[in-house]
Amino acid sequence: MRATNKATHGRNWTVRQLKERTQLTMKLEDGSKPSVLTEIPWQPDKATEILNAVQEIRSFVEAGESIQEANQKRLKALGKESGKAPALRKFDWSAAADAFLESMEGRRGGTLADLKIRVRRFKLTIKSKPAPTDGPSLMRAFGWTIKPKEPDAPFPFEKSFDIEGPKGSGKGVIAETLTALCGGTHGVTTLRPVMIGCPDSMQGLQGKKTAIDFDSSGVDRDPGQFNSIVSNEPVQVWRKFQNRADARL
């Protein structure tokens, strides 16, 4: 957005973030730099609105108005009652997270412990610098961490989930993306319901970061074994020409 503004208006008109809003500064021939704090939030989805404001304020300035007067006229033209930029309301995400945990107090101990971990990670995320300002930046900050897998140690990230949707909705794209993130076939293998509980098939899962059923069908006849796979507990594997033994997958 700054590059677009510079290309359109030159070096004498600049924008920056101030108090979570957009500040517009103009450089005069005498070296002075008058500025005005607009009401527009400094957010990626406000880029077009910010650029339009620069154009409108510049037009009023070139007609003889000061930058402050130009902003007031712009606001008046937009139907605003005052040229004073209103303070933005800050949402207390930490308090919201605590309230969410309180609402979950009736859940089972294991579920509640998992939720507490997620909320703690979320709080650390919103305190990170620079702070996330929109959904995509929040997801990038909180996002998945692909870590090396120690053969004899529990994996730090354990999760199982289903993706449902009609044909062409992107299920396969998500699966291919996860496969690429985990190192292709070196880190990903197939796990279908019929394979659960088979020591030979379990050997194929060992050392992998992700197991995917690209077109799920059938019935899981051994949910306890499936839970052991997801939670990374030892299960029986069979290395050919060796005795069967327990191992973490």
C-alpha atoms as a PDB file:
ATOM      1  CA  MET A   1       0.000   0.000   0.000  1.00  0.00           C
ATOM      2  CA  ARG A   2       2.857   2.378   0.821  1.00  0.00           C
ATOM      3  CA  ALA A   3       4.466   1.607  -2.520  1.00  0.00           C
ATOM      4  CA  THR A   4       1.209   2.413  -4.321  1.00  0.00           C
ATOM      5  CA  ASN A   5       0.886   5.674  -2.394  1.00  0.00           C
ATOM      6  CA  LYS A   6       4.462   6.648  -3.214  1.00  0.00           C
ATOM      7  CA  ALA A   7       3.995   5.863  -6.909  1.00  0.00           C
ATOM      8  CA  THR A   8       0.782   7.913  -7.017  1.00  0.00           C
ATOM      9  CA  HIS A   9       1.626  10.911  -4.840  1.00  0.00           C
ATOM     10  CA  GLY A  10       5.420  10.929  -4.669  1.00  0.00           C
ATOM     11  CA  ARG A  11       7.732  11.174  -1.668  1.00  0.00           C
ATOM     12  CA  ASN A  12       6.019  14.226  -0.165  1.00  0.00           C
ATOM     13  CA  TRP A  13       2.914  12.312   0.922  1.00  0.00           C
ATOM     14  CA  THR A  14       3.460   9.463   3.386  1.00  0.00           C
ATOM     15  CA  VAL A  15       1.279   7.285   5.583  1.00  0.00           C
ATOM     16  CA  ARG A  16       2.079   5.352   8.730  1.00  0.00           C
ATOM     17  CA  GLN A  17       0.459   3.729  11.746  1.00  0.00           C
ATOM     18  CA  LEU A  18      -0.156   5.813  14.849  1.00  0.00           C
ATOM     19  CA  LYS A  19      -2.339   4.671  17.759  1.00  0.00           C
ATOM     20  CA  GLU A  20      -3.719   1.871  15.534  1.00  0.00           C
ATOM     21  CA  ARG A  21      -4.990   4.442  13.021  1.00  0.00           C
ATOM     22  CA  THR A  22      -3.606   5.953   9.823  1.00  0.00           C
ATOM     23  CA  GLN A  23      -1.569   9.127  10.006  1.00  0.00           C
ATOM     24  CA  LEU A  24      -1.024  11.142   6.812  1.00  0.00           C
ATOM     25  CA  THR A  25       2.014  13.445   6.563  1.00  0.00           C
ATOM     26  CA  MET A  26       2.905  15.944   3.856  1.00  0.00           C
ATOM     27  CA  LYS A  27       6.332  17.517   3.334  1.00  0.00           C
ATOM     28  CA  LEU A  28       6.370  21.201   2.433  1.00  0.00           C
ATOM     29  CA  GLU A  29       9.040  23.141   0.555  1.00  0.00           C
ATOM     30  CA  ASP A  30      10.303  24.744   3.768  1.00  0.00           C
ATOM     31  CA  GLY A  31      10.977  21.293   5.221  1.00  0.00           C
ATOM     32  CA  SER A  32       8.057  21.290   7.656  1.00  0.00           C
ATOM     33  CA  LYS A  33       5.908  18.171   7.872  1.00  0.00           C
ATOM     34  CA  PRO A  34       2.325  18.840   8.967  1.00  0.00           C
ATOM     35  CA  SER A  35       0.264  15.716   9.560  1.00  0.00           C
ATOM     36  CA  VAL A  36      -3.227  14.585  10.436  1.00  0.00           C
ATOM     37  CA  LEU A  37      -4.470  11.478  12.229  1.00  0.00           C
ATOM     38  CA  THR A  38      -7.401  10.030  10.311  1.00  0.00           C
ATOM     39  CA  GLU A  39     -10.188   7.831  11.614  1.00  0.00           C
ATOM     40  CA  ILE A  40      -9.163   4.936   9.343  1.00  0.00           C
ATOM     41  CA  PRO A  41      -7.784   1.834  11.135  1.00  0.00           C
ATOM     42  CA  TRP A  42      -4.297   0.786  10.014  1.00  0.00           C
ATOM     43  CA  GLN A  43      -5.324  -2.583   8.618  1.00  0.00           C
ATOM     44  CA  PRO A  44      -4.538  -4.428   5.366  1.00  0.00           C
ATOM     45  CA  ASP A  45      -8.199  -4.529   4.324  1.00  0.00           C
ATOM     46  CA  LYS A  46      -8.356  -0.705   4.624  1.00  0.00           C
ATOM     47  CA  ALA A  47      -5.667  -0.066   1.984  1.00  0.00           C
ATOM     48  CA  THR A  48      -8.107   1.217  -0.640  1.00  0.00           C
ATOM     49  CA  GLU A  49      -9.845   3.484   1.879  1.00  0.00           C
ATOM     50  CA  ILE A  50      -6.489   4.890   2.998  1.00  0.00           C
ATOM     51  CA  LEU A  51      -5.360   5.611  -0.569  1.00  0.00           C
ATOM     52  CA  ASN A  52      -8.685   7.304  -1.334  1.00  0.00           C
ATOM     53  CA  ALA A  53      -8.305   9.472   1.785  1.00  0.00           C
ATOM     54  CA  VAL A  54      -4.826  10.558   0.685  1.00  0.00           C
ATOM     55  CA  GLN A  55      -6.182  11.575  -2.712  1.00  0.00           C
ATOM     56  CA  GLU A  56      -9.108  13.503  -1.217  1.00  0.00           C
ATOM     57  CA  ILE A  57      -6.988  15.328   1.383  1.00  0.00           C
ATOM     58  CA  ARG A  58      -4.366  16.205  -1.226  1.00  0.00           C
ATOM     59  CA  SER A  59      -7.059  17.690  -3.461  1.00  0.00           C
ATOM     60  CA  PHE A  60      -8.273  19.982  -0.664  1.00  0.00           C
ATOM     61  CA  VAL A  61      -4.694  20.970   0.242  1.00  0.00           C
ATOM     62  CA  GLU A  62      -3.918  21.875  -3.355  1.00  0.00           C
ATOM     63  CA  ALA A  63      -7.044  24.073  -3.264  1.00  0.00           C
ATOM     64  CA  GLY A  64      -5.517  26.078  -0.415  1.00  0.00           C
ATOM     65  CA  GLU A  65      -6.629  24.257   2.730  1.00  0.00           C
ATOM     66  CA  SER A  66      -4.349  23.123   5.542  1.00  0.00           C
ATOM     67  CA  ILE A  67      -3.996  19.380   5.996  1.00  0.00           C
ATOM     68  CA  GLN A  68      -6.197  19.507   9.118  1.00  0.00           C
ATOM     69  CA  GLU A  69      -8.889  21.517   7.322  1.00  0.00           C
ATOM     70  CA  ALA A  70      -8.632  19.193   4.345  1.00  0.00           C
ATOM     71  CA  ASN A  71      -9.311  16.177   6.543  1.00  0.00           C
ATOM     72  CA  GLN A  72     -12.304  17.899   8.154  1.00  0.00           C
ATOM     73  CA  LYS A  73     -13.781  18.659   4.743  1.00  0.00           C
ATOM     74  CA  ARG A  74     -13.207  15.066   3.670  1.00  0.00           C
ATOM     75  CA  LEU A  75     -15.036  13.800   6.740  1.00  0.00           C
ATOM     76  CA  LYS A  76     -17.874  16.258   6.202  1.00  0.00           C
ATOM     77  CA  ALA A  77     -18.242  15.064   2.622  1.00  0.00           C
ATOM     78  CA  LEU A  78     -18.492  11.497   3.970  1.00  0.00           C
ATOM     79  CA  GLY A  79     -21.270  12.518   6.346  1.00  0.00           C
ATOM     80  CA  LYS A  80     -19.126  12.509   9.483  1.00  0.00           C
ATOM     81  CA  GLU A  81     -20.214  14.870  12.252  1.00  0.00           C
ATOM     82  CA  SER A  82     -16.722  15.706  13.462  1.00  0.00           C
ATOM     83  CA  GLY A  83     -13.265  15.895  12.006  1.00  0.00           C
ATOM     84  CA  LYS A  84     -11.856  14.473  15.217  1.00  0.00           C
ATOM     85  CA  ALA A  85     -10.777  10.890  14.791  1.00  0.00           C
ATOM     86  CA  PRO A  86     -12.673   8.691  17.252  1.00  0.00           C
ATOM     87  CA  ALA A  87     -10.726   6.433  19.561  1.00  0.00           C
ATOM     88  CA  LEU A  88     -10.788   2.828  18.504  1.00  0.00           C
ATOM     89  CA  ARG A  89     -12.236   0.369  20.996  1.00  0.00           C
ATOM     90  CA  LYS A  90      -9.744  -2.276  22.037  1.00  0.00           C
ATOM     91  CA  PHE A  91     -11.060  -5.791  22.511  1.00  0.00           C
ATOM     92  CA  ASP A  92      -9.623  -7.659  25.507  1.00  0.00           C
ATOM     93  CA  TRP A  93      -8.750 -10.996  23.908  1.00  0.00           C
ATOM     94  CA  SER A  94      -7.066 -12.262  27.075  1.00  0.00           C
ATOM     95  CA  ALA A  95     -10.219 -11.726  29.108  1.00  0.00           C
ATOM     96  CA  ALA A  96     -12.269 -13.375  26.368  1.00  0.00           C
ATOM     97  CA  ALA A  97      -9.966 -16.404  26.480  1.00  0.00           C
ATOM     98  CA  ASP A  98     -10.356 -16.654  30.262  1.00  0.00           C
ATOM     99  CA  ALA A  99     -14.145 -16.395  29.934  1.00  0.00           C
ATOM    100  CA  PHE A 100     -14.073 -19.174  27.345  1.00  0.00           C
ATOM    101  CA  LEU A 101     -12.184 -21.465  29.738  1.00  0.00           C
ATOM    102  CA  GLU A 102     -14.690 -20.708  32.496  1.00  0.00           C
ATOM    103  CA  SER A 103     -17.517 -21.735  30.168  1.00  0.00           C
ATOM    104  CA  MET A 104     -15.738 -25.069  29.583  1.00  0.00           C
ATOM    105  CA  GLU A 105     -15.269 -25.997  33.252  1.00  0.00           C
ATOM    106  CA  GLY A 106     -17.838 -28.777  32.991  1.00  0.00           C
ATOM    107  CA  ARG A 107     -15.814 -30.696  30.388  1.00  0.00           C
ATOM    108  CA  ARG A 108     -13.807 -33.825  31.150  1.00  0.00           C
ATOM    109  CA  GLY A 109     -10.355 -33.427  32.662  1.00  0.00           C
ATOM    110  CA  GLY A 110      -8.478 -34.433  29.499  1.00  0.00           C
ATOM    111  CA  THR A 111     -10.534 -32.114  27.308  1.00  0.00           C
ATOM    112  CA  LEU A 112     -10.123 -29.214  29.715  1.00  0.00           C
ATOM    113  CA  ALA A 113      -6.350 -29.753  29.920  1.00  0.00           C
ATOM    114  CA  ASP A 114      -6.141 -29.653  26.118  1.00  0.00           C
ATOM    115  CA  LEU A 115      -8.194 -26.452  26.001  1.00  0.00           C
ATOM    116  CA  LYS A 116      -5.949 -24.806  28.603  1.00  0.00           C
ATOM    117  CA  ILE A 117      -2.889 -25.555  26.462  1.00  0.00           C
ATOM    118  CA  ARG A 118      -4.547 -24.027  23.400  1.00  0.00           C
ATOM    119  CA  VAL A 119      -5.667 -20.920  25.295  1.00  0.00           C
ATOM    120  CA  ARG A 120      -2.181 -20.459  26.734  1.00  0.00           C
ATOM    121  CA  ARG A 121      -0.671 -20.666  23.235  1.00  0.00           C
ATOM    122  CA  PHE A 122      -3.283 -18.213  21.969  1.00  0.00           C
ATOM    123  CA  LYS A 123      -2.377 -15.689  24.691  1.00  0.00           C
ATOM    124  CA  LEU A 124       1.288 -15.964  23.782  1.00  0.00           C
ATOM    125  CA  THR A 125       0.372 -15.414  20.137  1.00  0.00           C
ATOM    126  CA  ILE A 126      -1.580 -12.188  20.680  1.00  0.00           C
ATOM    127  CA  LYS A 127       1.306 -10.852  22.775  1.00  0.00           C
ATOM    128  CA  SER A 128       3.840 -11.522  20.003  1.00  0.00           C
ATOM    129  CA  LYS A 129       5.568  -8.646  18.199  1.00  0.00           C
ATOM    130  CA  PRO A 130       4.437  -7.443  15.765  1.00  0.00           C
ATOM    131  CA  ALA A 131       0.966  -8.205  17.058  1.00  0.00           C
ATOM    132  CA  PRO A 132      -1.422  -9.927  14.602  1.00  0.00           C
ATOM    133  CA  THR A 133      -3.876  -7.392  13.171  1.00  0.00           C
ATOM    134  CA  ASP A 134      -6.152  -9.652  11.121  1.00  0.00           C
ATOM    135  CA  GLY A 135      -7.235 -13.261  10.682  1.00  0.00           C
ATOM    136  CA  PRO A 136      -4.453 -14.385   8.293  1.00  0.00           C
ATOM    137  CA  SER A 137      -1.668 -12.869  10.406  1.00  0.00           C
ATOM    138  CA  LEU A 138      -3.151 -14.482  13.525  1.00  0.00           C
ATOM    139  CA  MET A 139      -3.189 -17.890  11.852  1.00  0.00           C
ATOM    140  CA  ARG A 140       0.401 -17.452  10.668  1.00  0.00           C
ATOM    141  CA  ALA A 141       1.490 -16.577  14.196  1.00  0.00           C
ATOM    142  CA  PHE A 142      -0.447 -19.427  15.813  1.00  0.00           C
ATOM    143  CA  GLY A 143       0.127 -21.813  12.918  1.00  0.00           C
ATOM    144  CA  TRP A 144       1.316 -25.374  12.754  1.00  0.00           C
ATOM    145  CA  THR A 145       4.898 -26.220  13.642  1.00  0.00           C
ATOM    146  CA  ILE A 146       6.393 -29.137  11.754  1.00  0.00           C
ATOM    147  CA  LYS A 147       9.012 -30.622  14.053  1.00  0.00           C
ATOM    148  CA  PRO A 148      11.471 -33.531  13.684  1.00  0.00           C
ATOM    149  CA  LYS A 149      10.182 -36.814  15.072  1.00  0.00           C
ATOM    150  CA  GLU A 150      12.230 -38.658  17.653  1.00  0.00           C
ATOM    151  CA  PRO A 151      11.665 -42.423  17.083  1.00  0.00           C
ATOM    152  CA  ASP A 152      11.301 -43.347  20.762  1.00  0.00           C
ATOM    153  CA  ALA A 153       9.667 -40.189  22.123  1.00  0.00           C
ATOM    154  CA  PRO A 154       6.066 -38.919  22.032  1.00  0.00           C
ATOM    155  CA  PHE A 155       5.358 -36.474  19.241  1.00  0.00           C
ATOM    156  CA  PRO A 156       4.659 -32.937  20.594  1.00  0.00           C
ATOM    157  CA  PHE A 157       1.742 -32.317  18.213  1.00  0.00           C
ATOM    158  CA  GLU A 158      -1.095 -34.865  18.261  1.00  0.00           C
ATOM    159  CA  LYS A 159      -4.343 -34.307  16.409  1.00  0.00           C
ATOM    160  CA  SER A 160      -6.854 -36.161  14.254  1.00  0.00           C
ATOM    161  CA  PHE A 161      -9.499 -34.414  12.162  1.00  0.00           C
ATOM    162  CA  ASP A 162     -11.883 -34.991   9.255  1.00  0.00           C
ATOM    163  CA  ILE A 163     -12.375 -32.681   6.286  1.00  0.00           C
ATOM    164  CA  GLU A 164     -15.800 -32.874   4.652  1.00  0.00           C
ATOM    165  CA  GLY A 165     -17.105 -31.164   1.542  1.00  0.00           C
ATOM    166  CA  PRO A 166     -18.465 -31.684  -1.973  1.00  0.00           C
ATOM    167  CA  LYS A 167     -16.293 -32.547  -4.926  1.00  0.00           C
ATOM    168  CA  GLY A 168     -14.034 -29.673  -5.944  1.00  0.00           C
ATOM    169  CA  SER A 169     -14.217 -27.878  -2.572  1.00  0.00           C
ATOM    170  CA  GLY A 170     -10.476 -28.169  -1.881  1.00  0.00           C
ATOM    171  CA  LYS A 171     -10.166 -31.308   0.267  1.00  0.00           C
ATOM    172  CA  GLY A 172      -7.462 -32.764  -1.956  1.00  0.00           C
ATOM    173  CA  VAL A 173      -5.581 -29.453  -2.077  1.00  0.00           C
ATOM    174  CA  ILE A 174      -5.429 -29.368   1.724  1.00  0.00           C
ATOM    175  CA  ALA A 175      -4.158 -32.951   1.821  1.00  0.00           C
ATOM    176  CA  GLU A 176      -1.496 -32.213  -0.791  1.00  0.00           C
ATOM    177  CA  THR A 177      -0.441 -29.081   1.109  1.00  0.00           C
ATOM    178  CA  LEU A 178      -0.023 -31.045   4.347  1.00  0.00           C
ATOM    179  CA  THR A 179       1.940 -33.682   2.435  1.00  0.00           C
ATOM    180  CA  ALA A 180       4.310 -31.041   1.080  1.00  0.00           C
ATOM    181  CA  LEU A 181       4.727 -29.386   4.500  1.00  0.00           C
ATOM    182  CA  CYS A 182       5.668 -32.712   6.060  1.00  0.00           C
ATOM    183  CA  GLY A 183       8.281 -33.630   3.439  1.00  0.00           C
ATOM    184  CA  GLY A 184       6.277 -35.588   0.883  1.00  0.00           C
ATOM    185  CA  THR A 185       6.348 -39.382   1.070  1.00  0.00           C
ATOM    186  CA  HIS A 186       9.276 -39.199   3.493  1.00  0.00           C
ATOM    187  CA  GLY A 187       6.983 -37.721   6.146  1.00  0.00           C
ATOM    188  CA  VAL A 188       3.494 -38.831   5.090  1.00  0.00           C
ATOM    189  CA  THR A 189       1.845 -42.192   4.578  1.00  0.00           C
ATOM    190  CA  THR A 190      -1.648 -43.587   4.033  1.00  0.00           C
ATOM    191  CA  LEU A 191      -3.833 -44.876   6.855  1.00  0.00           C
ATOM    192  CA  ARG A 192      -7.175 -46.443   5.982  1.00  0.00           C
ATOM    193  CA  PRO A 193      -9.631 -47.993   8.484  1.00  0.00           C
ATOM    194  CA  VAL A 194      -8.842 -51.540   7.314  1.00  0.00           C
ATOM    195  CA  MET A 195      -5.165 -50.969   8.185  1.00  0.00           C
ATOM    196  CA  ILE A 196      -5.787 -50.020  11.820  1.00  0.00           C
ATOM    197  CA  GLY A 197      -4.695 -52.850  14.105  1.00  0.00           C
ATOM    198  CA  CYS A 198      -2.518 -54.569  11.493  1.00  0.00           C
ATOM    199  CA  PRO A 199       1.093 -54.742  12.831  1.00  0.00           C
ATOM    200  CA  ASP A 200       2.460 -54.854   9.297  1.00  0.00           C
ATOM    201  CA  SER A 201       0.613 -51.654   8.358  1.00  0.00           C
ATOM    202  CA  MET A 202       1.610 -50.003  11.627  1.00  0.00           C
ATOM    203  CA  GLN A 203       5.266 -50.482  10.722  1.00  0.00           C
ATOM    204  CA  GLY A 204       4.669 -48.291   7.673  1.00  0.00           C
ATOM    205  CA  LEU A 205       3.527 -45.446   9.959  1.00  0.00           C
ATOM    206  CA  GLN A 206       6.641 -45.387  12.109  1.00  0.00           C
ATOM    207  CA  GLY A 207       8.656 -42.199  11.779  1.00  0.00           C
ATOM    208  CA  LYS A 208       5.983 -40.397   9.747  1.00  0.00           C
ATOM    209  CA  LYS A 209       4.674 -36.982  10.712  1.00  0.00           C
ATOM    210  CA  THR A 210       1.212 -37.351   9.191  1.00  0.00           C
ATOM    211  CA  ALA A 211      -1.077 -40.192   8.129  1.00  0.00           C
ATOM    212  CA  ILE A 212      -3.783 -39.331   5.581  1.00  0.00           C
ATOM    213  CA  ASP A 213      -6.765 -41.210   4.196  1.00  0.00           C
ATOM    214  CA  PHE A 214      -7.346 -39.300   0.963  1.00  0.00           C
ATOM    215  CA  ASP A 215     -10.783 -40.822   0.323  1.00  0.00           C
ATOM    216  CA  SER A 216     -12.062 -42.141   3.610  1.00  0.00           C
ATOM    217  CA  SER A 217     -14.510 -45.041   3.681  1.00  0.00           C
ATOM    218  CA  GLY A 218     -15.215 -48.105   5.780  1.00  0.00           C
ATOM    219  CA  VAL A 219     -15.495 -48.634   9.537  1.00  0.00           C
ATOM    220  CA  ASP A 220     -12.833 -48.426  12.218  1.00  0.00           C
ATOM    221  CA  ARG A 221     -13.264 -51.729  14.068  1.00  0.00           C
ATOM    222  CA  ASP A 222     -10.580 -50.983  16.653  1.00  0.00           C
ATOM    223  CA  PRO A 223     -11.122 -47.443  18.046  1.00  0.00           C
ATOM    224  CA  GLY A 224      -8.721 -48.113  20.917  1.00  0.00           C
ATOM    225  CA  GLN A 225      -5.903 -48.772  18.458  1.00  0.00           C
ATOM    226  CA  PHE A 226      -6.855 -45.655  16.494  1.00  0.00           C
ATOM    227  CA  ASN A 227      -6.714 -43.581  19.685  1.00  0.00           C
ATOM    228  CA  SER A 228      -3.262 -45.012  20.447  1.00  0.00           C
ATOM    229  CA  ILE A 229      -2.054 -43.982  16.984  1.00  0.00           C
ATOM    230  CA  VAL A 230      -3.395 -40.435  17.317  1.00  0.00           C
ATOM    231  CA  SER A 231      -2.088 -39.956  20.867  1.00  0.00           C
ATOM    232  CA  ASN A 232       1.285 -41.468  19.872  1.00  0.00           C
ATOM    233  CA  GLU A 233       1.165 -44.315  22.372  1.00  0.00           C
ATOM    234  CA  PRO A 234       3.186 -47.482  21.654  1.00  0.00           C
ATOM    235  CA  VAL A 235       1.397 -49.961  19.352  1.00  0.00           C
ATOM    236  CA  GLN A 236       2.483 -53.313  17.974  1.00  0.00           C
ATOM    237  CA  VAL A 237       4.522 -53.202  14.758  1.00  0.00           C
ATOM    238  CA  TRP A 238       6.000 -56.034  12.727  1.00  0.00           C
ATOM    239  CA  ARG A 239       9.338 -55.574  11.067  1.00  0.00           C
ATOM    240  CA  LYS A 240       9.623 -58.415   8.595  1.00  0.00           C
ATOM    241  CA  PHE A 241      12.050 -61.167   9.582  1.00  0.00           C
ATOM    242  CA  GLN A 242      12.075 -59.805  13.126  1.00  0.00           C
ATOM    243  CA  ASN A 243       9.907 -60.393  16.173  1.00  0.00           C
ATOM    244  CA  ARG A 244       6.847 -58.220  16.630  1.00  0.00           C
ATOM    245  CA  ALA A 245       7.399 -55.390  19.113  1.00  0.00           C
ATOM    246  CA  ASP A 246       5.833 -52.229  20.466  1.00  0.00           C
ATOM    247  CA  ALA A 247       6.900 -48.836  19.074  1.00  0.00           C
ATOM    248  CA  ARG A 248       5.726 -45.263  18.903  1.00  0.00           C
ATOM    249  CA  LEU A 249       4.596 -44.276  15.428  1.00  0.00           C
END
